[in-house]
Every structure is written in structure tokens, then in C-alpha cells.
């Protein structure tokens, strides 16, 4: 784990990567960040953030409170997610700004 600005009583599992040599993300209280998740620097995340395993949050993103980024889900760079958003397993939010709150995204069945 690289440096991160956290006010945490939560869990950051071994194998999670927070930030880079240029700095770390700002993460609110009580996060649960599971193994193999990557949170880039220049990211701001609210309270009670949770990931599945292998989740990715790219640079410049801002996430509200009570956000879930599921297993192998990706928040691409410069995205904004409001409070109570759930990005389910395998979903990607690509380079757009979403001000949505209290919603859930799931992959399209094939």
C-alpha cells in the first residue's frame, strides 16, 4: 500500500494498492478495500466506500458516500459518482461524469 490520506476505522486488505509515487487518494471513514483493488492518486472517496476484489478507481474520480465498486469493476478516470451508488461486478464507468445517486449498475447479460 502506498500513501493514502485516510480517516479510517475500516479494512484495507493486503494486496490493495492505494495511490502512486505521486501521492495517494483521499478516502473517508470506514472503507472496506479488498485485495487486488487499485485506487489511483488524485481520487476523492466518501465514507463507507467498499470494493470487491480487483476493483479499480482511476485518477481524477470523485465518489460519494456509501459507494460500492464491485469485483473487477472499473471507475475510469475523471468520473463522478454520487451517494449510494453500486457499480456491480464487472461493470465499467468510462470517462464520463455521473451525478447519479441511489442507483445500481449491472453488466448487460450476453
PDB file of N, CA and C in Angstrom:
ATOM      1  N   UNK A   1       0.857  -1.166   0.000  1.00  0.00           N
ATOM      2  CA  UNK A   1       0.000   0.000   0.000  1.00  0.00           C
ATOM      3  C   UNK A   1       0.902   1.227   0.000  1.00  0.00           C
ATOM      4  N   UNK A   2       0.659   2.102  -0.923  1.00  0.00           N
ATOM      5  CA  UNK A   2       1.369   3.382  -0.942  1.00  0.00           C
ATOM      6  C   UNK A   2       0.569   4.368  -0.102  1.00  0.00           C
ATOM      7  N   UNK A   3       1.064   5.582   0.016  1.00  0.00           N
ATOM      8  CA  UNK A   3       0.423   6.566   0.874  1.00  0.00           C
ATOM      9  C   UNK A   3      -0.991   6.920   0.457  1.00  0.00           C
ATOM     10  N   UNK A   4      -1.849   7.058   1.423  1.00  0.00           N
ATOM     11  CA  UNK A   4      -3.228   7.488   1.185  1.00  0.00           C
ATOM     12  C   UNK A   4      -3.640   8.352   2.362  1.00  0.00           C
ATOM     13  N   UNK A   5      -4.430   9.372   2.086  1.00  0.00           N
ATOM     14  CA  UNK A   5      -4.970  10.220   3.145  1.00  0.00           C
ATOM     15  C   UNK A   5      -6.294   9.603   3.572  1.00  0.00           C
ATOM     16  N   UNK A   6      -6.273   8.894   4.705  1.00  0.00           N
ATOM     17  CA  UNK A   6      -7.482   8.215   5.159  1.00  0.00           C
ATOM     18  C   UNK A   6      -7.774   8.573   6.610  1.00  0.00           C
ATOM     19  N   UNK A   7      -9.036   8.604   6.925  1.00  0.00           N
ATOM     20  CA  UNK A   7      -9.504   8.737   8.297  1.00  0.00           C
ATOM     21  C   UNK A   7     -10.290   7.456   8.522  1.00  0.00           C
ATOM     22  N   UNK A   8      -9.563   6.368   8.768  1.00  0.00           N
ATOM     23  CA  UNK A   8     -10.165   5.063   8.606  1.00  0.00           C
ATOM     24  C   UNK A   8     -10.234   4.246   9.885  1.00  0.00           C
ATOM     25  N   UNK A   9     -11.377   3.660  10.114  1.00  0.00           N
ATOM     26  CA  UNK A   9     -11.527   2.593  11.082  1.00  0.00           C
ATOM     27  C   UNK A   9     -11.923   1.333  10.330  1.00  0.00           C
ATOM     28  N   UNK A  10     -11.834   1.368   9.020  1.00  0.00           N
ATOM     29  CA  UNK A  10     -12.292   0.267   8.181  1.00  0.00           C
ATOM     30  C   UNK A  10     -11.210  -0.761   7.926  1.00  0.00           C
ATOM     31  N   UNK A  11     -11.344  -1.448   6.795  1.00  0.00           N
ATOM     32  CA  UNK A  11     -10.432  -2.525   6.430  1.00  0.00           C
ATOM     33  C   UNK A  11      -9.801  -2.240   5.077  1.00  0.00           C
ATOM     34  N   UNK A  12      -8.476  -2.319   5.027  1.00  0.00           N
ATOM     35  CA  UNK A  12      -7.757  -2.277   3.761  1.00  0.00           C
ATOM     36  C   UNK A  12      -6.976  -3.581   3.699  1.00  0.00           C
ATOM     37  N   UNK A  13      -7.402  -4.487   2.835  1.00  0.00           N
ATOM     38  CA  UNK A  13      -6.848  -5.832   2.787  1.00  0.00           C
ATOM     39  C   UNK A  13      -5.455  -5.842   2.169  1.00  0.00           C
ATOM     40  N   UNK A  14      -4.627  -6.814   2.554  1.00  0.00           N
ATOM     41  CA  UNK A  14      -3.310  -6.957   1.939  1.00  0.00           C
ATOM     42  C   UNK A  14      -3.455  -7.125   0.422  1.00  0.00           C
ATOM     43  N   UNK A  15      -2.533  -6.536  -0.320  1.00  0.00           N
ATOM     44  CA  UNK A  15      -2.564  -6.638  -1.775  1.00  0.00           C
ATOM     45  C   UNK A  15      -3.324  -5.516  -2.446  1.00  0.00           C
ATOM     46  N   UNK A  16      -3.985  -4.651  -1.663  1.00  0.00           N
ATOM     47  CA  UNK A  16      -4.645  -3.473  -2.235  1.00  0.00           C
ATOM     48  C   UNK A  16      -3.580  -2.410  -2.488  1.00  0.00           C
ATOM     49  N   UNK A  17      -3.728  -1.666  -3.584  1.00  0.00           N
ATOM     50  CA  UNK A  17      -2.790  -0.594  -3.919  1.00  0.00           C
ATOM     51  C   UNK A  17      -3.523   0.731  -3.856  1.00  0.00           C
ATOM     52  N   UNK A  18      -3.027   1.629  -3.019  1.00  0.00           N
ATOM     53  CA  UNK A  18      -3.644   2.942  -2.860  1.00  0.00           C
ATOM     54  C   UNK A  18      -2.638   4.004  -3.264  1.00  0.00           C
ATOM     55  N   UNK A  19      -2.897   4.695  -4.372  1.00  0.00           N
ATOM     56  CA  UNK A  19      -2.051   5.780  -4.813  1.00  0.00           C
ATOM     57  C   UNK A  19      -0.843   5.319  -5.600  1.00  0.00           C
ATOM     58  N   UNK A  20       0.069   6.276  -5.809  1.00  0.00           N
ATOM     59  CA  UNK A  20       1.281   6.022  -6.570  1.00  0.00           C
ATOM     60  C   UNK A  20       2.390   6.863  -5.972  1.00  0.00           C
ATOM     61  N   UNK A  21       3.525   6.884  -6.634  1.00  0.00           N
ATOM     62  CA  UNK A  21       4.650   7.680  -6.151  1.00  0.00           C
ATOM     63  C   UNK A  21       4.294   9.162  -6.085  1.00  0.00           C
ATOM     64  N   UNK A  22       3.310   9.588  -6.876  1.00  0.00           N
ATOM     65  CA  UNK A  22       2.896  10.994  -6.905  1.00  0.00           C
ATOM     66  C   UNK A  22       1.904  11.350  -5.803  1.00  0.00           C
ATOM     67  N   UNK A  23       1.489  10.402  -5.018  1.00  0.00           N
ATOM     68  CA  UNK A  23       0.551  10.688  -3.934  1.00  0.00           C
ATOM     69  C   UNK A  23      -0.580   9.690  -3.889  1.00  0.00           C
ATOM     70  N   UNK A  24      -1.375   9.808  -2.855  1.00  0.00           N
ATOM     71  CA  UNK A  24      -2.445   8.848  -2.662  1.00  0.00           C
ATOM     72  C   UNK A  24      -3.814   9.477  -2.745  1.00  0.00           C
ATOM     73  N   UNK A  25      -4.835   8.634  -2.719  1.00  0.00           N
ATOM     74  CA  UNK A  25      -6.214   9.113  -2.735  1.00  0.00           C
ATOM     75  C   UNK A  25      -6.616   9.644  -1.359  1.00  0.00           C
ATOM     76  N   UNK A  26      -7.719  10.370  -1.329  1.00  0.00           N
ATOM     77  CA  UNK A  26      -8.332  10.780  -0.070  1.00  0.00           C
ATOM     78  C   UNK A  26      -9.564   9.905   0.121  1.00  0.00           C
ATOM     79  N   UNK A  27      -9.587   9.159   1.216  1.00  0.00           N
ATOM     80  CA  UNK A  27     -10.657   8.185   1.454  1.00  0.00           C
ATOM     81  C   UNK A  27     -11.293   8.487   2.807  1.00  0.00           C
ATOM     82  N   UNK A  28     -12.628   8.530   2.844  1.00  0.00           N
ATOM     83  CA  UNK A  28     -13.368   8.824   4.063  1.00  0.00           C
ATOM     84  C   UNK A  28     -13.307   7.706   5.095  1.00  0.00           C
ATOM     85  N   UNK A  29     -14.204   7.758   6.060  1.00  0.00           N
ATOM     86  CA  UNK A  29     -14.219   6.820   7.173  1.00  0.00           C
ATOM     87  C   UNK A  29     -14.821   5.474   6.795  1.00  0.00           C
ATOM     88  N   UNK A  30     -14.328   4.449   7.474  1.00  0.00           N
ATOM     89  CA  UNK A  30     -14.864   3.086   7.421  1.00  0.00           C
ATOM     90  C   UNK A  30     -14.895   2.464   6.029  1.00  0.00           C
ATOM     91  N   UNK A  31     -13.799   2.535   5.262  1.00  0.00           N
ATOM     92  CA  UNK A  31     -13.796   1.859   3.965  1.00  0.00           C
ATOM     93  C   UNK A  31     -13.542   0.362   4.129  1.00  0.00           C
ATOM     94  N   UNK A  32     -13.957  -0.409   3.135  1.00  0.00           N
ATOM     95  CA  UNK A  32     -13.567  -1.807   3.008  1.00  0.00           C
ATOM     96  C   UNK A  32     -12.995  -1.960   1.608  1.00  0.00           C
ATOM     97  N   UNK A  33     -11.681  -2.082   1.523  1.00  0.00           N
ATOM     98  CA  UNK A  33     -10.999  -2.178   0.232  1.00  0.00           C
ATOM     99  C   UNK A  33     -10.352  -3.553   0.170  1.00  0.00           C
ATOM    100  N   UNK A  34     -10.875  -4.394  -0.706  1.00  0.00           N
ATOM    101  CA  UNK A  34     -10.462  -5.794  -0.752  1.00  0.00           C
ATOM    102  C   UNK A  34      -9.210  -5.988  -1.601  1.00  0.00           C
ATOM    103  N   UNK A  35      -8.615  -7.167  -1.454  1.00  0.00           N
ATOM    104  CA  UNK A  35      -7.340  -7.472  -2.104  1.00  0.00           C
ATOM    105  C   UNK A  35      -7.387  -7.262  -3.614  1.00  0.00           C
ATOM    106  N   UNK A  36      -6.247  -6.851  -4.140  1.00  0.00           N
ATOM    107  CA  UNK A  36      -6.020  -6.630  -5.575  1.00  0.00           C
ATOM    108  C   UNK A  36      -6.803  -5.455  -6.137  1.00  0.00           C
ATOM    109  N   UNK A  37      -7.419  -4.662  -5.286  1.00  0.00           N
ATOM    110  CA  UNK A  37      -8.060  -3.432  -5.749  1.00  0.00           C
ATOM    111  C   UNK A  37      -6.994  -2.355  -5.901  1.00  0.00           C
ATOM    112  N   UNK A  38      -7.212  -1.448  -6.865  1.00  0.00           N
ATOM    113  CA  UNK A  38      -6.265  -0.367  -7.130  1.00  0.00           C
ATOM    114  C   UNK A  38      -7.033   0.949  -7.110  1.00  0.00           C
ATOM    115  N   UNK A  39      -6.627   1.847  -6.230  1.00  0.00           N
ATOM    116  CA  UNK A  39      -7.209   3.185  -6.147  1.00  0.00           C
ATOM    117  C   UNK A  39      -6.077   4.157  -6.482  1.00  0.00           C
ATOM    118  N   UNK A  40      -6.178   4.839  -7.621  1.00  0.00           N
ATOM    119  CA  UNK A  40      -5.129   5.758  -8.057  1.00  0.00           C
ATOM    120  C   UNK A  40      -5.089   6.986  -7.155  1.00  0.00           C
ATOM    121  N   UNK A  41      -3.981   7.746  -7.247  1.00  0.00           N
ATOM    122  CA  UNK A  41      -3.872   9.035  -6.580  1.00  0.00           C
ATOM    123  C   UNK A  41      -4.827  10.014  -7.242  1.00  0.00           C
ATOM    124  N   UNK A  42      -5.002  11.178  -6.661  1.00  0.00           N
ATOM    125  CA  UNK A  42      -5.892  12.208  -7.199  1.00  0.00           C
ATOM    126  C   UNK A  42      -7.335  11.705  -7.288  1.00  0.00           C
ATOM    127  N   UNK A  43      -7.730  10.902  -6.312  1.00  0.00           N
ATOM    128  CA  UNK A  43      -9.098  10.385  -6.213  1.00  0.00           C
ATOM    129  C   UNK A  43      -9.638  10.818  -4.849  1.00  0.00           C
ATOM    130  N   UNK A  44     -10.904  11.209  -4.812  1.00  0.00           N
ATOM    131  CA  UNK A  44     -11.554  11.572  -3.550  1.00  0.00           C
ATOM    132  C   UNK A  44     -12.756  10.651  -3.368  1.00  0.00           C
ATOM    133  N   UNK A  45     -12.802   9.978  -2.222  1.00  0.00           N
ATOM    134  CA  UNK A  45     -13.843   8.984  -1.948  1.00  0.00           C
ATOM    135  C   UNK A  45     -14.474   9.293  -0.592  1.00  0.00           C
ATOM    136  N   UNK A  46     -15.804   9.213  -0.521  1.00  0.00           N
ATOM    137  CA  UNK A  46     -16.539   9.491   0.706  1.00  0.00           C
ATOM    138  C   UNK A  46     -16.473   8.358   1.720  1.00  0.00           C
ATOM    139  N   UNK A  47     -17.327   8.443   2.715  1.00  0.00           N
ATOM    140  CA  UNK A  47     -17.386   7.472   3.810  1.00  0.00           C
ATOM    141  C   UNK A  47     -18.046   6.165   3.368  1.00  0.00           C
ATOM    142  N   UNK A  48     -17.651   5.091   4.079  1.00  0.00           N
ATOM    143  CA  UNK A  48     -18.239   3.752   3.917  1.00  0.00           C
ATOM    144  C   UNK A  48     -18.107   3.220   2.485  1.00  0.00           C
ATOM    145  N   UNK A  49     -17.014   3.543   1.832  1.00  0.00           N
ATOM    146  CA  UNK A  49     -16.701   3.029   0.498  1.00  0.00           C
ATOM    147  C   UNK A  49     -16.359   1.550   0.611  1.00  0.00           C
ATOM    148  N   UNK A  50     -16.768   0.767  -0.381  1.00  0.00           N
ATOM    149  CA  UNK A  50     -16.436  -0.656  -0.382  1.00  0.00           C
ATOM    150  C   UNK A  50     -16.105  -1.108  -1.796  1.00  0.00           C
ATOM    151  N   UNK A  51     -15.186  -2.072  -1.882  1.00  0.00           N
ATOM    152  CA  UNK A  51     -14.875  -2.696  -3.165  1.00  0.00           C
ATOM    153  C   UNK A  51     -15.032  -4.199  -3.050  1.00  0.00           C
ATOM    154  N   UNK A  52     -15.204  -4.829  -4.209  1.00  0.00           N
ATOM    155  CA  UNK A  52     -14.984  -6.256  -4.324  1.00  0.00           C
ATOM    156  C   UNK A  52     -13.497  -6.452  -4.586  1.00  0.00           C
ATOM    157  N   UNK A  53     -13.080  -7.677  -4.860  1.00  0.00           N
ATOM    158  CA  UNK A  53     -11.679  -7.954  -5.168  1.00  0.00           C
ATOM    159  C   UNK A  53     -11.366  -7.478  -6.584  1.00  0.00           C
ATOM    160  N   UNK A  54     -10.194  -6.863  -6.755  1.00  0.00           N
ATOM    161  CA  UNK A  54      -9.750  -6.460  -8.085  1.00  0.00           C
ATOM    162  C   UNK A  54     -10.460  -5.257  -8.668  1.00  0.00           C
ATOM    163  N   UNK A  55     -11.101  -4.445  -7.857  1.00  0.00           N
ATOM    164  CA  UNK A  55     -11.768  -3.231  -8.342  1.00  0.00           C
ATOM    165  C   UNK A  55     -10.717  -2.169  -8.668  1.00  0.00           C
ATOM    166  N   UNK A  56     -11.050  -1.255  -9.595  1.00  0.00           N
ATOM    167  CA  UNK A  56     -10.125  -0.186  -9.984  1.00  0.00           C
ATOM    168  C   UNK A  56     -10.874   1.147  -9.988  1.00  0.00           C
ATOM    169  N   UNK A  57     -10.283   2.162  -9.342  1.00  0.00           N
ATOM    170  CA  UNK A  57     -10.792   3.535  -9.406  1.00  0.00           C
ATOM    171  C   UNK A  57      -9.654   4.392  -9.950  1.00  0.00           C
ATOM    172  N   UNK A  58      -9.853   4.933 -11.159  1.00  0.00           N
ATOM    173  CA  UNK A  58      -8.800   5.675 -11.863  1.00  0.00           C
ATOM    174  C   UNK A  58      -8.723   7.123 -11.402  1.00  0.00           C
ATOM    175  N   UNK A  59      -7.634   7.785 -11.817  1.00  0.00           N
ATOM    176  CA  UNK A  59      -7.304   9.140 -11.392  1.00  0.00           C
ATOM    177  C   UNK A  59      -8.387  10.158 -11.740  1.00  0.00           C
ATOM    178  N   UNK A  60      -8.495  11.165 -10.875  1.00  0.00           N
ATOM    179  CA  UNK A  60      -9.419  12.267 -11.105  1.00  0.00           C
ATOM    180  C   UNK A  60     -10.866  11.969 -10.778  1.00  0.00           C
ATOM    181  N   UNK A  61     -11.156  10.789 -10.248  1.00  0.00           N
ATOM    182  CA  UNK A  61     -12.544  10.427  -9.949  1.00  0.00           C
ATOM    183  C   UNK A  61     -12.948  10.906  -8.557  1.00  0.00           C
ATOM    184  N   UNK A  62     -14.240  11.204  -8.410  1.00  0.00           N
ATOM    185  CA  UNK A  62     -14.806  11.631  -7.129  1.00  0.00           C
ATOM    186  C   UNK A  62     -16.013  10.743  -6.850  1.00  0.00           C
ATOM    187  N   UNK A  63     -16.000  10.040  -5.716  1.00  0.00           N
ATOM    188  CA  UNK A  63     -17.078   9.131  -5.344  1.00  0.00           C
ATOM    189  C   UNK A  63     -17.696   9.599  -4.035  1.00  0.00           C
ATOM    190  N   UNK A  64     -19.027   9.561  -3.945  1.00  0.00           N
ATOM    191  CA  UNK A  64     -19.741   9.993  -2.752  1.00  0.00           C
ATOM    192  C   UNK A  64     -19.677   8.974  -1.627  1.00  0.00           C
ATOM    193  N   UNK A  65     -20.560   9.137  -0.660  1.00  0.00           N
ATOM    194  CA  UNK A  65     -20.665   8.220   0.475  1.00  0.00           C
ATOM    195  C   UNK A  65     -21.427   6.965   0.060  1.00  0.00           C
ATOM    196  N   UNK A  66     -21.105   5.848   0.730  1.00  0.00           N
ATOM    197  CA  UNK A  66     -21.825   4.579   0.557  1.00  0.00           C
ATOM    198  C   UNK A  66     -21.786   4.087  -0.886  1.00  0.00           C
ATOM    199  N   UNK A  67     -20.615   4.179  -1.510  1.00  0.00           N
ATOM    200  CA  UNK A  67     -20.432   3.703  -2.883  1.00  0.00           C
ATOM    201  C   UNK A  67     -19.784   2.326  -2.845  1.00  0.00           C
ATOM    202  N   UNK A  68     -20.296   1.418  -3.680  1.00  0.00           N
ATOM    203  CA  UNK A  68     -19.715   0.092  -3.869  1.00  0.00           C
ATOM    204  C   UNK A  68     -19.182  -0.009  -5.288  1.00  0.00           C
ATOM    205  N   UNK A  69     -17.917  -0.414  -5.419  1.00  0.00           N
ATOM    206  CA  UNK A  69     -17.331  -0.748  -6.715  1.00  0.00           C
ATOM    207  C   UNK A  69     -17.031  -2.239  -6.632  1.00  0.00           C
ATOM    208  N   UNK A  70     -17.843  -3.040  -7.320  1.00  0.00           N
ATOM    209  CA  UNK A  70     -17.809  -4.489  -7.175  1.00  0.00           C
ATOM    210  C   UNK A  70     -16.565  -5.152  -7.737  1.00  0.00           C
ATOM    211  N   UNK A  71     -16.502  -6.465  -7.584  1.00  0.00           N
ATOM    212  CA  UNK A  71     -15.371  -7.256  -8.045  1.00  0.00           C
ATOM    213  C   UNK A  71     -15.110  -7.022  -9.525  1.00  0.00           C
ATOM    214  N   UNK A  72     -13.874  -6.681  -9.838  1.00  0.00           N
ATOM    215  CA  UNK A  72     -13.406  -6.411 -11.212  1.00  0.00           C
ATOM    216  C   UNK A  72     -14.177  -5.297 -11.906  1.00  0.00           C
ATOM    217  N   UNK A  73     -14.834  -4.438 -11.157  1.00  0.00           N
ATOM    218  CA  UNK A  73     -15.492  -3.261 -11.739  1.00  0.00           C
ATOM    219  C   UNK A  73     -14.463  -2.136 -11.854  1.00  0.00           C
ATOM    220  N   UNK A  74     -14.687  -1.223 -12.814  1.00  0.00           N
ATOM    221  CA  UNK A  74     -13.733  -0.142 -13.077  1.00  0.00           C
ATOM    222  C   UNK A  74     -14.460   1.197 -13.114  1.00  0.00           C
ATOM    223  N   UNK A  75     -13.961   2.152 -12.340  1.00  0.00           N
ATOM    224  CA  UNK A  75     -14.383   3.544 -12.460  1.00  0.00           C
ATOM    225  C   UNK A  75     -13.257   4.220 -13.229  1.00  0.00           C
ATOM    226  N   UNK A  76     -13.495   4.501 -14.514  1.00  0.00           N
ATOM    227  CA  UNK A  76     -12.453   5.075 -15.354  1.00  0.00           C
ATOM    228  C   UNK A  76     -12.176   6.509 -14.925  1.00  0.00           C
ATOM    229  N   UNK A  77     -11.112   7.097 -15.418  1.00  0.00           N
ATOM    230  CA  UNK A  77     -10.663   8.415 -14.986  1.00  0.00           C
ATOM    231  C   UNK A  77     -11.705   9.508 -15.138  1.00  0.00           C
ATOM    232  N   UNK A  78     -11.645  10.469 -14.221  1.00  0.00           N
ATOM    233  CA  UNK A  78     -12.485  11.665 -14.235  1.00  0.00           C
ATOM    234  C   UNK A  78     -13.979  11.376 -14.155  1.00  0.00           C
ATOM    235  N   UNK A  79     -14.363  10.339 -13.438  1.00  0.00           N
ATOM    236  CA  UNK A  79     -15.787  10.034 -13.230  1.00  0.00           C
ATOM    237  C   UNK A  79     -16.242  10.616 -11.897  1.00  0.00           C
ATOM    238  N   UNK A  80     -17.510  10.947 -11.844  1.00  0.00           N
ATOM    239  CA  UNK A  80     -18.104  11.414 -10.599  1.00  0.00           C
ATOM    240  C   UNK A  80     -19.327  10.562 -10.316  1.00  0.00           C
ATOM    241  N   UNK A  81     -19.333   9.903  -9.148  1.00  0.00           N
ATOM    242  CA  UNK A  81     -20.461   9.083  -8.721  1.00  0.00           C
ATOM    243  C   UNK A  81     -21.001   9.668  -7.426  1.00  0.00           C
ATOM    244  N   UNK A  82     -22.312   9.837  -7.334  1.00  0.00           N
ATOM    245  CA  UNK A  82     -22.940  10.403  -6.143  1.00  0.00           C
ATOM    246  C   UNK A  82     -23.028   9.403  -5.005  1.00  0.00           C
ATOM    247  N   UNK A  83     -23.804   9.732  -3.988  1.00  0.00           N
ATOM    248  CA  UNK A  83     -24.000   8.866  -2.828  1.00  0.00           C
ATOM    249  C   UNK A  83     -24.856   7.656  -3.190  1.00  0.00           C
ATOM    250  N   UNK A  84     -24.619   6.548  -2.466  1.00  0.00           N
ATOM    251  CA  UNK A  84     -25.441   5.334  -2.572  1.00  0.00           C
ATOM    252  C   UNK A  84     -25.452   4.745  -3.979  1.00  0.00           C
ATOM    253  N   UNK A  85     -24.297   4.750  -4.634  1.00  0.00           N
ATOM    254  CA  UNK A  85     -24.187   4.167  -5.974  1.00  0.00           C
ATOM    255  C   UNK A  85     -23.508   2.810  -5.858  1.00  0.00           C
ATOM    256  N   UNK A  86     -24.022   1.825  -6.604  1.00  0.00           N
ATOM    257  CA  UNK A  86     -23.453   0.486  -6.640  1.00  0.00           C
ATOM    258  C   UNK A  86     -23.087   0.138  -8.075  1.00  0.00           C
ATOM    259  N   UNK A  87     -21.802  -0.001  -8.335  1.00  0.00           N
ATOM    260  CA  UNK A  87     -21.288  -0.424  -9.637  1.00  0.00           C
ATOM    261  C   UNK A  87     -20.983  -1.911  -9.482  1.00  0.00           C
ATOM    262  N   UNK A  88     -21.844  -2.760 -10.002  1.00  0.00           N
ATOM    263  CA  UNK A  88     -21.787  -4.190  -9.727  1.00  0.00           C
ATOM    264  C   UNK A  88     -20.629  -4.891 -10.442  1.00  0.00           C
ATOM    265  N   UNK A  89     -20.409  -6.147 -10.083  1.00  0.00           N
ATOM    266  CA  UNK A  89     -19.315  -6.957 -10.599  1.00  0.00           C
ATOM    267  C   UNK A  89     -19.173  -6.835 -12.109  1.00  0.00           C
ATOM    268  N   UNK A  90     -17.953  -6.511 -12.545  1.00  0.00           N
ATOM    269  CA  UNK A  90     -17.630  -6.488 -13.965  1.00  0.00           C
ATOM    270  C   UNK A  90     -18.063  -5.248 -14.722  1.00  0.00           C
ATOM    271  N   UNK A  91     -18.704  -4.281 -14.083  1.00  0.00           N
ATOM    272  CA  UNK A  91     -19.145  -3.053 -14.773  1.00  0.00           C
ATOM    273  C   UNK A  91     -17.987  -2.079 -14.939  1.00  0.00           C
ATOM    274  N   UNK A  92     -18.111  -1.208 -15.939  1.00  0.00           N
ATOM    275  CA  UNK A  92     -17.145  -0.132 -16.148  1.00  0.00           C
ATOM    276  C   UNK A  92     -17.891   1.172 -16.348  1.00  0.00           C
ATOM    277  N   UNK A  93     -17.455   2.199 -15.650  1.00  0.00           N
ATOM    278  CA  UNK A  93     -17.954   3.551 -15.859  1.00  0.00           C
ATOM    279  C   UNK A  93     -16.844   4.284 -16.593  1.00  0.00           C
ATOM    280  N   UNK A  94     -17.042   4.555 -17.879  1.00  0.00           N
ATOM    281  CA  UNK A  94     -15.963   5.042 -18.734  1.00  0.00           C
ATOM    282  C   UNK A  94     -15.968   6.549 -18.918  1.00  0.00           C
ATOM    283  N   UNK A  95     -14.973   7.218 -18.372  1.00  0.00           N
ATOM    284  CA  UNK A  95     -14.626   8.591 -18.659  1.00  0.00           C
ATOM    285  C   UNK A  95     -15.761   9.588 -18.785  1.00  0.00           C
ATOM    286  N   UNK A  96     -16.843   9.365 -18.094  1.00  0.00           N
ATOM    287  CA  UNK A  96     -17.951  10.313 -18.131  1.00  0.00           C
ATOM    288  C   UNK A  96     -18.284  10.722 -16.711  1.00  0.00           C
ATOM    289  N   UNK A  97     -18.986  11.784 -16.574  1.00  0.00           N
ATOM    290  CA  UNK A  97     -19.396  12.241 -15.241  1.00  0.00           C
ATOM    291  C   UNK A  97     -20.831  11.805 -14.982  1.00  0.00           C
ATOM    292  N   UNK A  98     -21.026  11.164 -13.853  1.00  0.00           N
ATOM    293  CA  UNK A  98     -22.353  10.703 -13.450  1.00  0.00           C
ATOM    294  C   UNK A  98     -22.670  11.354 -12.116  1.00  0.00           C
ATOM    295  N   UNK A  99     -23.729  12.093 -12.060  1.00  0.00           N
ATOM    296  CA  UNK A  99     -24.106  12.691 -10.784  1.00  0.00           C
ATOM    297  C   UNK A  99     -25.208  11.880 -10.116  1.00  0.00           C
ATOM    298  N   UNK A 100     -25.410  10.688 -10.617  1.00  0.00           N
ATOM    299  CA  UNK A 100     -26.480   9.833 -10.106  1.00  0.00           C
ATOM    300  C   UNK A 100     -26.282   9.537  -8.623  1.00  0.00           C
ATOM    301  N   UNK A 101     -27.389   9.411  -7.921  1.00  0.00           N
ATOM    302  CA  UNK A 101     -27.365   8.974  -6.534  1.00  0.00           C
ATOM    303  C   UNK A 101     -28.363   7.832  -6.392  1.00  0.00           C
ATOM    304  N   UNK A 102     -28.113   7.010  -5.389  1.00  0.00           N
ATOM    305  CA  UNK A 102     -29.015   5.907  -5.053  1.00  0.00           C
ATOM    306  C   UNK A 102     -29.393   5.080  -6.271  1.00  0.00           C
ATOM    307  N   UNK A 103     -28.374   4.600  -6.995  1.00  0.00           N
ATOM    308  CA  UNK A 103     -28.655   3.753  -8.152  1.00  0.00           C
ATOM    309  C   UNK A 103     -27.662   2.600  -8.198  1.00  0.00           C
ATOM    310  N   UNK A 104     -27.957   1.626  -9.053  1.00  0.00           N
ATOM    311  CA  UNK A 104     -27.113   0.451  -9.209  1.00  0.00           C
ATOM    312  C   UNK A 104     -26.928   0.162 -10.683  1.00  0.00           C
ATOM    313  N   UNK A 105     -25.682  -0.122 -11.081  1.00  0.00           N
ATOM    314  CA  UNK A 105     -25.394  -0.534 -12.452  1.00  0.00           C
ATOM    315  C   UNK A 105     -24.963  -1.988 -12.437  1.00  0.00           C
ATOM    316  N   UNK A 106     -25.463  -2.745 -13.383  1.00  0.00           N
ATOM    317  CA  UNK A 106     -25.078  -4.144 -13.527  1.00  0.00           C
ATOM    318  C   UNK A 106     -24.720  -4.396 -14.981  1.00  0.00           C
ATOM    319  N   UNK A 107     -23.842  -5.379 -15.258  1.00  0.00           N
ATOM    320  CA  UNK A 107     -23.489  -5.661 -16.642  1.00  0.00           C
ATOM    321  C   UNK A 107     -24.687  -6.177 -17.434  1.00  0.00           C
ATOM    322  N   UNK A 108     -24.662  -5.944 -18.724  1.00  0.00           N
ATOM    323  CA  UNK A 108     -25.706  -6.450 -19.611  1.00  0.00           C
ATOM    324  C   UNK A 108     -25.465  -7.933 -19.857  1.00  0.00           C
ATOM    325  N   UNK A 109     -26.458  -8.789 -19.642  1.00  0.00           N
ATOM    326  CA  UNK A 109     -26.266 -10.221 -19.893  1.00  0.00           C
ATOM    327  C   UNK A 109     -25.989 -10.474 -21.371  1.00  0.00           C
ATOM    328  N   UNK A 110     -25.168 -11.453 -21.631  1.00  0.00           N
ATOM    329  CA  UNK A 110     -24.852 -11.814 -23.028  1.00  0.00           C
ATOM    330  C   UNK A 110     -25.448 -13.134 -23.374  1.00  0.00           C
TER     331      UNK A 110
END
